[in-house]
Amino acid sequence: MELVIWRVPTPVRGSKHTYKYRFALVENDVCTLRYDNEAGKGDHRHIDGQEFAYEFVDMDTLIADFRVEVGARRQK
């Protein structure tokens, strides 16, 4: 599991907040879960190869949401 967060001076294109982030869970050398906000796409998440929109509330909520999904995957 890796969490990378940058504070940026202006929002990344597609986002409304001043964070750039990449959270990833890699299992058996495959990224199975990722939250990020790459330029132009805005806030979203990747789950088992599918992409879904993510509504950013604040950084604490983002981290908590990611950790909940990681925990659920680890229990399987």
Protein backbone atom coordinates (compact mmCIF):
# COMPACT_ATOMS: atom_id res chain seq x y z
CA MET A 1 0.00 0.00 0.00
CA GLU A 2 1.34 3.44 -0.94
CA LEU A 3 -0.12 6.88 -0.25
CA VAL A 4 1.46 9.91 -1.94
CA ILE A 5 0.06 13.42 -1.41
CA TRP A 6 1.31 16.73 -2.76
CA ARG A 7 -0.01 20.17 -1.86
CA VAL A 8 -0.15 22.17 -5.09
CA PRO A 9 -0.54 25.96 -5.50
CA THR A 10 -3.54 25.64 -7.82
CA PRO A 11 -6.00 22.77 -8.36
CA VAL A 12 -5.02 20.04 -10.79
CA ARG A 13 -7.11 20.38 -13.95
CA GLY A 14 -10.39 18.53 -13.24
CA SER A 15 -10.21 18.93 -9.44
CA LYS A 16 -11.41 21.76 -7.20
CA HIS A 17 -8.92 21.34 -4.32
CA THR A 18 -5.20 22.00 -3.94
CA TYR A 19 -4.04 18.39 -3.55
CA LYS A 20 -2.47 16.04 -6.04
CA TYR A 21 -2.56 12.45 -4.83
CA ARG A 22 -1.97 8.82 -5.71
CA PHE A 23 -3.02 6.02 -3.38
CA ALA A 24 -2.35 2.47 -4.53
CA LEU A 25 -2.76 -1.08 -3.33
CA VAL A 26 -0.59 -3.61 -5.15
CA GLU A 27 -1.34 -7.30 -4.70
CA ASN A 28 0.88 -9.97 -6.28
CA ASP A 29 2.62 -7.28 -8.39
CA VAL A 30 -0.72 -6.00 -9.77
CA CYS A 31 -2.27 -2.65 -8.83
CA THR A 32 -5.80 -3.71 -7.83
CA LEU A 33 -6.95 -0.46 -6.19
CA ARG A 34 -5.90 3.11 -6.91
CA TYR A 35 -7.30 6.52 -6.05
CA ASP A 36 -5.86 9.47 -7.94
CA ASN A 37 -6.61 12.77 -9.62
CA GLU A 38 -4.51 12.89 -12.75
CA ALA A 39 -4.79 16.10 -14.75
CA GLY A 40 -7.91 16.24 -16.88
CA LYS A 41 -9.67 13.31 -15.23
CA GLY A 42 -10.22 14.81 -11.78
CA ASP A 43 -10.85 12.70 -8.69
CA HIS A 44 -11.46 9.04 -9.46
CA ARG A 45 -10.58 5.51 -8.43
CA HIS A 46 -9.58 2.32 -10.21
CA ILE A 47 -10.88 -0.99 -8.87
CA ASP A 48 -9.74 -4.20 -10.56
CA GLY A 49 -9.18 -2.44 -13.88
CA GLN A 50 -12.40 -0.41 -13.90
CA GLU A 51 -12.50 3.37 -13.37
CA PHE A 52 -15.11 5.14 -11.24
CA ALA A 53 -15.66 8.79 -10.33
CA TYR A 54 -14.86 9.78 -6.73
CA GLU A 55 -16.38 12.76 -4.94
CA PHE A 56 -13.61 14.47 -2.98
CA VAL A 57 -14.79 15.91 0.37
CA ASP A 58 -11.50 16.48 2.18
CA MET A 59 -8.17 14.69 2.63
CA ASP A 60 -9.17 12.93 5.86
CA THR A 61 -12.25 11.44 4.19
CA LEU A 62 -10.23 10.41 1.13
CA ILE A 63 -7.68 8.56 3.28
CA ALA A 64 -10.43 6.92 5.34
CA ASP A 65 -12.34 5.80 2.22
CA PHE A 66 -9.19 4.29 0.72
CA ARG A 67 -8.31 2.47 3.94
CA VAL A 68 -11.84 1.05 4.24
CA GLU A 69 -11.54 -0.42 0.73
CA VAL A 70 -8.07 -1.79 1.47
CA GLY A 71 -9.40 -3.42 4.65
CA ALA A 72 -12.32 -4.98 2.80
CA ARG A 73 -9.99 -6.41 0.16
CA ARG A 74 -7.64 -7.84 2.76
CA GLN A 75 -10.52 -9.63 4.50
CA LYS A 76 -11.43 -11.52 1.31
